[in-house]
Amino acid sequence: MEGEKGAYYDEVGCATPRRRECQIPVASLPPPPPKKKPFALGKKRVPPKNGYFHPPDLDLFFAMAPIRQACA
């Protein structure tokens, strides 16, 4: 069966298409990476008009130290 297929393809004359629409297009260059924003030296942020939020129990949360137990 292998010989029959080979003989058939040789008789028909199969070849790779050479037309322009059949060719793989040439790879184009990717776009350049985005530009980095310039570092703002000495530029300070304006504090919010209403001030920062201070929850009443925030100091209590940080005052509690975790209790460590020794492994026995």
PDB file of N, CA and C in Angstrom:
ATOM      1  N   MET A   1       0.821  -1.178   0.000  1.00  0.00           N
ATOM      2  CA  MET A   1       0.000   0.000   0.000  1.00  0.00           C
ATOM      3  C   MET A   1       0.877   1.259   0.000  1.00  0.00           C
ATOM      4  N   GLU A   2       2.024   1.223   0.685  1.00  0.00           N
ATOM      5  CA  GLU A   2       2.917   2.372   0.711  1.00  0.00           C
ATOM      6  C   GLU A   2       3.422   2.701  -0.695  1.00  0.00           C
ATOM      7  N   GLY A   3       3.751   1.679  -1.445  1.00  0.00           N
ATOM      8  CA  GLY A   3       4.260   1.898  -2.791  1.00  0.00           C
ATOM      9  C   GLY A   3       3.218   2.512  -3.690  1.00  0.00           C
ATOM     10  N   GLU A   4       1.957   2.140  -3.520  1.00  0.00           N
ATOM     11  CA  GLU A   4       0.894   2.679  -4.353  1.00  0.00           C
ATOM     12  C   GLU A   4       0.712   4.176  -4.119  1.00  0.00           C
ATOM     13  N   LYS A   5       0.742   4.611  -2.832  1.00  0.00           N
ATOM     14  CA  LYS A   5       0.570   6.032  -2.533  1.00  0.00           C
ATOM     15  C   LYS A   5       1.719   6.843  -3.119  1.00  0.00           C
ATOM     16  N   GLY A   6       2.923   6.342  -2.934  1.00  0.00           N
ATOM     17  CA  GLY A   6       4.092   7.060  -3.436  1.00  0.00           C
ATOM     18  C   GLY A   6       4.048   7.200  -4.942  1.00  0.00           C
ATOM     19  N   ALA A   7       3.650   6.145  -5.630  1.00  0.00           N
ATOM     20  CA  ALA A   7       3.579   6.186  -7.084  1.00  0.00           C
ATOM     21  C   ALA A   7       2.508   7.171  -7.540  1.00  0.00           C
ATOM     22  N   TYR A   8       1.383   7.195  -6.855  1.00  0.00           N
ATOM     23  CA  TYR A   8       0.296   8.102  -7.225  1.00  0.00           C
ATOM     24  C   TYR A   8       0.744   9.559  -7.084  1.00  0.00           C
ATOM     25  N   TYR A   9       1.415   9.891  -5.976  1.00  0.00           N
ATOM     26  CA  TYR A   9       1.846  11.272  -5.766  1.00  0.00           C
ATOM     27  C   TYR A   9       2.915  11.667  -6.784  1.00  0.00           C
ATOM     28  N   ASP A  10       3.764  10.726  -7.159  1.00  0.00           N
ATOM     29  CA  ASP A  10       4.787  11.048  -8.150  1.00  0.00           C
ATOM     30  C   ASP A  10       4.162  11.334  -9.508  1.00  0.00           C
ATOM     31  N   GLU A  11       3.096  10.590  -9.864  1.00  0.00           N
ATOM     32  CA  GLU A  11       2.452  10.794 -11.155  1.00  0.00           C
ATOM     33  C   GLU A  11       1.716  12.129 -11.218  1.00  0.00           C
ATOM     34  N   VAL A  12       1.008  12.470 -10.136  1.00  0.00           N
ATOM     35  CA  VAL A  12       0.229  13.703 -10.132  1.00  0.00           C
ATOM     36  C   VAL A  12       1.153  14.909 -10.085  1.00  0.00           C
ATOM     37  N   GLY A  13       2.279  14.791  -9.406  1.00  0.00           N
ATOM     38  CA  GLY A  13       3.229  15.883  -9.329  1.00  0.00           C
ATOM     39  C   GLY A  13       2.885  16.882  -8.250  1.00  0.00           C
ATOM     40  N   CYS A  14       2.641  16.433  -7.021  1.00  0.00           N
ATOM     41  CA  CYS A  14       2.327  17.327  -5.905  1.00  0.00           C
ATOM     42  C   CYS A  14       3.540  18.183  -5.573  1.00  0.00           C
ATOM     43  N   ALA A  15       3.286  19.436  -5.267  1.00  0.00           N
ATOM     44  CA  ALA A  15       4.370  20.348  -4.927  1.00  0.00           C
ATOM     45  C   ALA A  15       3.823  21.391  -3.946  1.00  0.00           C
ATOM     46  N   THR A  16       4.719  22.037  -3.254  1.00  0.00           N
ATOM     47  CA  THR A  16       4.352  23.100  -2.330  1.00  0.00           C
ATOM     48  C   THR A  16       3.894  24.311  -3.136  1.00  0.00           C
ATOM     49  N   PRO A  17       2.749  24.913  -2.795  1.00  0.00           N
ATOM     50  CA  PRO A  17       2.294  26.093  -3.544  1.00  0.00           C
ATOM     51  C   PRO A  17       3.268  27.248  -3.374  1.00  0.00           C
ATOM     52  N   ARG A  18       3.516  27.940  -4.450  1.00  0.00           N
ATOM     53  CA  ARG A  18       4.480  29.048  -4.441  1.00  0.00           C
ATOM     54  C   ARG A  18       3.805  30.413  -4.577  1.00  0.00           C
ATOM     55  N   ARG A  19       2.477  30.445  -4.679  1.00  0.00           N
ATOM     56  CA  ARG A  19       1.793  31.722  -4.834  1.00  0.00           C
ATOM     57  C   ARG A  19       1.974  32.581  -3.584  1.00  0.00           C
ATOM     58  N   ARG A  20       1.866  33.887  -3.775  1.00  0.00           N
ATOM     59  CA  ARG A  20       2.080  34.832  -2.675  1.00  0.00           C
ATOM     60  C   ARG A  20       1.042  34.637  -1.570  1.00  0.00           C
ATOM     61  N   GLU A  21      -0.225  34.372  -1.904  1.00  0.00           N
ATOM     62  CA  GLU A  21      -1.260  34.218  -0.883  1.00  0.00           C
ATOM     63  C   GLU A  21      -1.097  32.937  -0.071  1.00  0.00           C
ATOM     64  N   CYS A  22      -0.292  31.992  -0.551  1.00  0.00           N
ATOM     65  CA  CYS A  22      -0.062  30.737   0.173  1.00  0.00           C
ATOM     66  C   CYS A  22       1.165  30.806   1.082  1.00  0.00           C
ATOM     67  N   GLN A  23       1.972  31.836   0.942  1.00  0.00           N
ATOM     68  CA  GLN A  23       3.199  31.939   1.728  1.00  0.00           C
ATOM     69  C   GLN A  23       2.907  32.507   3.119  1.00  0.00           C
ATOM     70  N   ILE A  24       3.719  32.110   4.082  1.00  0.00           N
ATOM     71  CA  ILE A  24       3.606  32.629   5.445  1.00  0.00           C
ATOM     72  C   ILE A  24       4.160  34.052   5.439  1.00  0.00           C
ATOM     73  N   PRO A  25       3.410  35.015   5.977  1.00  0.00           N
ATOM     74  CA  PRO A  25       3.899  36.401   5.953  1.00  0.00           C
ATOM     75  C   PRO A  25       5.134  36.576   6.837  1.00  0.00           C
ATOM     76  N   VAL A  26       5.948  37.542   6.466  1.00  0.00           N
ATOM     77  CA  VAL A  26       7.161  37.861   7.223  1.00  0.00           C
ATOM     78  C   VAL A  26       6.745  38.453   8.562  1.00  0.00           C
ATOM     79  N   ALA A  27       7.409  38.030   9.627  1.00  0.00           N
ATOM     80  CA  ALA A  27       7.067  38.521  10.968  1.00  0.00           C
ATOM     81  C   ALA A  27       7.387  40.003  11.073  1.00  0.00           C
ATOM     82  N   SER A  28       6.410  40.774  11.523  1.00  0.00           N
ATOM     83  CA  SER A  28       6.634  42.201  11.719  1.00  0.00           C
ATOM     84  C   SER A  28       7.183  42.431  13.125  1.00  0.00           C
ATOM     85  N   LEU A  29       7.754  43.583  13.332  1.00  0.00           N
ATOM     86  CA  LEU A  29       8.320  43.910  14.638  1.00  0.00           C
ATOM     87  C   LEU A  29       7.194  44.195  15.636  1.00  0.00           C
ATOM     88  N   PRO A  30       7.344  43.748  16.882  1.00  0.00           N
ATOM     89  CA  PRO A  30       6.319  44.056  17.880  1.00  0.00           C
ATOM     90  C   PRO A  30       6.378  45.537  18.244  1.00  0.00           C
ATOM     91  N   PRO A  31       5.305  46.082  18.780  1.00  0.00           N
ATOM     92  CA  PRO A  31       5.325  47.499  19.169  1.00  0.00           C
ATOM     93  C   PRO A  31       6.302  47.714  20.327  1.00  0.00           C
ATOM     94  N   PRO A  32       6.833  48.908  20.451  1.00  0.00           N
ATOM     95  CA  PRO A  32       7.775  49.162  21.548  1.00  0.00           C
ATOM     96  C   PRO A  32       7.054  49.109  22.892  1.00  0.00           C
ATOM     97  N   PRO A  33       7.796  48.821  23.971  1.00  0.00           N
ATOM     98  CA  PRO A  33       7.160  48.777  25.295  1.00  0.00           C
ATOM     99  C   PRO A  33       6.720  50.173  25.715  1.00  0.00           C
ATOM    100  N   PRO A  34       5.747  50.262  26.617  1.00  0.00           N
ATOM    101  CA  PRO A  34       5.296  51.586  27.058  1.00  0.00           C
ATOM    102  C   PRO A  34       6.397  52.307  27.834  1.00  0.00           C
ATOM    103  N   LYS A  35       6.386  53.598  27.738  1.00  0.00           N
ATOM    104  CA  LYS A  35       7.392  54.409  28.432  1.00  0.00           C
ATOM    105  C   LYS A  35       7.082  54.469  29.919  1.00  0.00           C
ATOM    106  N   LYS A  36       8.126  54.475  30.731  1.00  0.00           N
ATOM    107  CA  LYS A  36       7.945  54.616  32.172  1.00  0.00           C
ATOM    108  C   LYS A  36       7.640  56.078  32.496  1.00  0.00           C
ATOM    109  N   LYS A  37       6.804  56.265  33.511  1.00  0.00           N
ATOM    110  CA  LYS A  37       6.519  57.620  33.953  1.00  0.00           C
ATOM    111  C   LYS A  37       7.755  58.159  34.667  1.00  0.00           C
ATOM    112  N   PRO A  38       8.074  59.413  34.469  1.00  0.00           N
ATOM    113  CA  PRO A  38       9.250  59.969  35.147  1.00  0.00           C
ATOM    114  C   PRO A  38       9.027  60.010  36.656  1.00  0.00           C
ATOM    115  N   PHE A  39      10.087  59.748  37.386  1.00  0.00           N
ATOM    116  CA  PHE A  39      10.026  59.752  38.842  1.00  0.00           C
ATOM    117  C   PHE A  39       9.908  61.193  39.323  1.00  0.00           C
ATOM    118  N   ALA A  40       8.921  61.465  40.149  1.00  0.00           N
ATOM    119  CA  ALA A  40       8.685  62.819  40.640  1.00  0.00           C
ATOM    120  C   ALA A  40       9.512  63.033  41.910  1.00  0.00           C
ATOM    121  N   LEU A  41      10.622  63.715  41.769  1.00  0.00           N
ATOM    122  CA  LEU A  41      11.489  63.990  42.909  1.00  0.00           C
ATOM    123  C   LEU A  41      10.965  65.201  43.669  1.00  0.00           C
ATOM    124  N   GLY A  42      10.778  65.028  44.948  1.00  0.00           N
ATOM    125  CA  GLY A  42      10.363  66.134  45.789  1.00  0.00           C
ATOM    126  C   GLY A  42       8.889  66.477  45.676  1.00  0.00           C
ATOM    127  N   LYS A  43       8.143  65.755  44.913  1.00  0.00           N
ATOM    128  CA  LYS A  43       6.712  66.039  44.769  1.00  0.00           C
ATOM    129  C   LYS A  43       5.966  65.342  45.896  1.00  0.00           C
ATOM    130  N   LYS A  44       5.271  66.113  46.714  1.00  0.00           N
ATOM    131  CA  LYS A  44       4.560  65.556  47.859  1.00  0.00           C
ATOM    132  C   LYS A  44       3.082  65.452  47.543  1.00  0.00           C
ATOM    133  N   ARG A  45       2.458  64.453  48.127  1.00  0.00           N
ATOM    134  CA  ARG A  45       1.020  64.283  47.956  1.00  0.00           C
ATOM    135  C   ARG A  45       0.285  65.211  48.918  1.00  0.00           C
ATOM    136  N   VAL A  46      -0.807  65.729  48.453  1.00  0.00           N
ATOM    137  CA  VAL A  46      -1.628  66.610  49.273  1.00  0.00           C
ATOM    138  C   VAL A  46      -2.469  65.734  50.200  1.00  0.00           C
ATOM    139  N   PRO A  47      -2.489  66.035  51.513  1.00  0.00           N
ATOM    140  CA  PRO A  47      -3.312  65.225  52.418  1.00  0.00           C
ATOM    141  C   PRO A  47      -4.797  65.418  52.108  1.00  0.00           C
ATOM    142  N   PRO A  48      -5.619  64.417  52.420  1.00  0.00           N
ATOM    143  CA  PRO A  48      -7.058  64.554  52.142  1.00  0.00           C
ATOM    144  C   PRO A  48      -7.678  65.696  52.934  1.00  0.00           C
ATOM    145  N   LYS A  49      -8.736  66.282  52.371  1.00  0.00           N
ATOM    146  CA  LYS A  49      -9.394  67.438  53.004  1.00  0.00           C
ATOM    147  C   LYS A  49     -10.003  67.076  54.357  1.00  0.00           C
ATOM    148  N   ASN A  50     -10.600  65.896  54.459  1.00  0.00           N
ATOM    149  CA  ASN A  50     -11.264  65.488  55.696  1.00  0.00           C
ATOM    150  C   ASN A  50     -10.304  64.806  56.678  1.00  0.00           C
ATOM    151  N   GLY A  51      -9.050  64.697  56.344  1.00  0.00           N
ATOM    152  CA  GLY A  51      -8.088  64.024  57.206  1.00  0.00           C
ATOM    153  C   GLY A  51      -8.129  62.515  56.984  1.00  0.00           C
ATOM    154  N   TYR A  52      -7.268  61.812  57.659  1.00  0.00           N
ATOM    155  CA  TYR A  52      -7.201  60.364  57.538  1.00  0.00           C
ATOM    156  C   TYR A  52      -8.158  59.713  58.527  1.00  0.00           C
ATOM    157  N   PHE A  53      -8.635  58.522  58.191  1.00  0.00           N
ATOM    158  CA  PHE A  53      -9.565  57.800  59.043  1.00  0.00           C
ATOM    159  C   PHE A  53      -8.803  57.167  60.198  1.00  0.00           C
ATOM    160  N   HIS A  54      -9.246  57.400  61.432  1.00  0.00           N
ATOM    161  CA  HIS A  54      -8.630  56.826  62.623  1.00  0.00           C
ATOM    162  C   HIS A  54      -9.675  55.999  63.362  1.00  0.00           C
ATOM    163  N   PRO A  55      -9.680  54.681  63.183  1.00  0.00           N
ATOM    164  CA  PRO A  55     -10.651  53.873  63.925  1.00  0.00           C
ATOM    165  C   PRO A  55     -10.338  53.921  65.415  1.00  0.00           C
ATOM    166  N   PRO A  56     -11.372  53.894  66.259  1.00  0.00           N
ATOM    167  CA  PRO A  56     -11.142  54.054  67.701  1.00  0.00           C
ATOM    168  C   PRO A  56     -10.387  52.880  68.328  1.00  0.00           C
ATOM    169  N   ASP A  57     -10.484  51.692  67.784  1.00  0.00           N
ATOM    170  CA  ASP A  57      -9.839  50.539  68.409  1.00  0.00           C
ATOM    171  C   ASP A  57      -8.523  50.152  67.726  1.00  0.00           C
ATOM    172  N   LEU A  58      -7.955  51.012  66.897  1.00  0.00           N
ATOM    173  CA  LEU A  58      -6.716  50.686  66.199  1.00  0.00           C
ATOM    174  C   LEU A  58      -5.545  50.559  67.180  1.00  0.00           C
ATOM    175  N   ASP A  59      -5.438  51.473  68.142  1.00  0.00           N
ATOM    176  CA  ASP A  59      -4.355  51.403  69.134  1.00  0.00           C
ATOM    177  C   ASP A  59      -4.482  50.152  69.980  1.00  0.00           C
ATOM    178  N   LEU A  60      -5.700  49.760  70.298  1.00  0.00           N
ATOM    179  CA  LEU A  60      -5.931  48.555  71.088  1.00  0.00           C
ATOM    180  C   LEU A  60      -5.488  47.312  70.323  1.00  0.00           C
ATOM    181  N   PHE A  61      -5.720  47.318  69.028  1.00  0.00           N
ATOM    182  CA  PHE A  61      -5.325  46.174  68.189  1.00  0.00           C
ATOM    183  C   PHE A  61      -3.812  45.976  68.202  1.00  0.00           C
ATOM    184  N   PHE A  62      -3.055  47.055  68.072  1.00  0.00           N
ATOM    185  CA  PHE A  62      -1.603  46.936  68.051  1.00  0.00           C
ATOM    186  C   PHE A  62      -1.025  46.754  69.450  1.00  0.00           C
ATOM    187  N   ALA A  63      -1.757  47.115  70.498  1.00  0.00           N
ATOM    188  CA  ALA A  63      -1.264  46.962  71.869  1.00  0.00           C
ATOM    189  C   ALA A  63      -1.312  45.506  72.311  1.00  0.00           C
ATOM    190  N   MET A  64      -2.236  44.727  71.752  1.00  0.00           N
ATOM    191  CA  MET A  64      -2.342  43.318  72.143  1.00  0.00           C
ATOM    192  C   MET A  64      -1.172  42.546  71.541  1.00  0.00           C
ATOM    193  N   ALA A  65      -0.384  41.938  72.398  1.00  0.00           N
ATOM    194  CA  ALA A  65       0.741  41.125  71.941  1.00  0.00           C
ATOM    195  C   ALA A  65       0.280  39.674  71.843  1.00  0.00           C
ATOM    196  N   PRO A  66       0.714  38.959  70.835  1.00  0.00           N
ATOM    197  CA  PRO A  66       0.310  37.552  70.736  1.00  0.00           C
ATOM    198  C   PRO A  66       0.921  36.738  71.882  1.00  0.00           C
ATOM    199  N   ILE A  67       0.136  35.848  72.436  1.00  0.00           N
ATOM    200  CA  ILE A  67       0.601  35.002  73.539  1.00  0.00           C
ATOM    201  C   ILE A  67       1.245  33.765  72.940  1.00  0.00           C
ATOM    202  N   ARG A  68       2.511  33.555  73.303  1.00  0.00           N
ATOM    203  CA  ARG A  68       3.230  32.393  72.786  1.00  0.00           C
ATOM    204  C   ARG A  68       3.287  31.327  73.867  1.00  0.00           C
ATOM    205  N   GLN A  69       3.001  30.123  73.474  1.00  0.00           N
ATOM    206  CA  GLN A  69       3.061  29.015  74.417  1.00  0.00           C
ATOM    207  C   GLN A  69       4.247  28.136  74.042  1.00  0.00           C
ATOM    208  N   ALA A  70       4.916  27.656  75.049  1.00  0.00           N
ATOM    209  CA  ALA A  70       6.068  26.794  74.816  1.00  0.00           C
ATOM    210  C   ALA A  70       5.585  25.411  74.403  1.00  0.00           C
ATOM    211  N   CYS A  71       6.311  24.801  73.500  1.00  0.00           N
ATOM    212  CA  CYS A  71       5.974  23.439  73.080  1.00  0.00           C
ATOM    213  C   CYS A  71       6.468  22.464  74.144  1.00  0.00           C
ATOM    214  N   ALA A  72       5.608  21.568  74.572  1.00  0.00           N
ATOM    215  CA  ALA A  72       6.003  20.619  75.609  1.00  0.00           C
ATOM    216  C   ALA A  72       6.315  19.272  75.023  1.00  0.00           C
TER     217      ALA A  72
END
